[in-house]
Amino acid sequence: MANKAAEAEQEALEPGEEAASEPDPVAGEAAPDTDDEGAPDLQAALEAAEDEVASLKDAALRAQADVENMRRRAARDVENAHKFALERFAESLLPVVDSLEKSVESAAEAADAAAVSEGVALCLKLFLDTLAKHGIEQVDPLGEPFDPSRSEAMAMVENPDAEPNSVMEVMQKGYALNGRLVRAAKVIVAKAPVGAKPAD
């Protein structure tokens, strides 16, 4: 009977149609759709992030190279500054050397001491003018109150004609570079004679 019922049901179907199969209790529920629509977006984001990392890494390497080049250039500039700092100064001294050489030649030929003295005095003036152009000035405190920050007292001598504690003689002039003392002047300082009354 059962077989006949199944055959009748099969004959009732339209040609090309198949009977719907009943769910298999062993297979359980149908597997979920594994096609993830977000996967292409994640892949694109990953590639973009990798590109950005590569770009940033390249920029960092370039910046590091630039810093290293700047450091080398700065070190070279400092070395050249130390090596050639006096180049302009030396160049400006050459006329003084030329003038001194001429004075020596003239002194060998001239019998007049006054002419030789005048030539040397002109050379000295040229030399001092050259020093002044480069900020080097003489410290000549003759007649001024003794200043221990600019002069070195070699002796104190009684002198009734000089103001006590003033410079009465300069044994060696000092020099300052742009206001900073390079060499102190060596001086003799006057002091009041013993028994002299202090000025009011």
Foldseek 3Di string as FASTA:
>chain_A
DVVVVVVVVVVPDDPPDDDDDDDDPVVPDDDDDPDDPCVVVVVVVVVVVVVVVVVVVVVVVVVVVVVVVVVVVVVVVVVVCVVCVCVVLVVLCVVLVVLVVVLVVCVVVDPDVVVSVVSVVVSVVSVQVSCVVQQKHKADQALHADDVQAADEPEEEEDQVHDARGFHAWPAIWMAGNNHTPGHTYTYGYHHDPPDDDDD
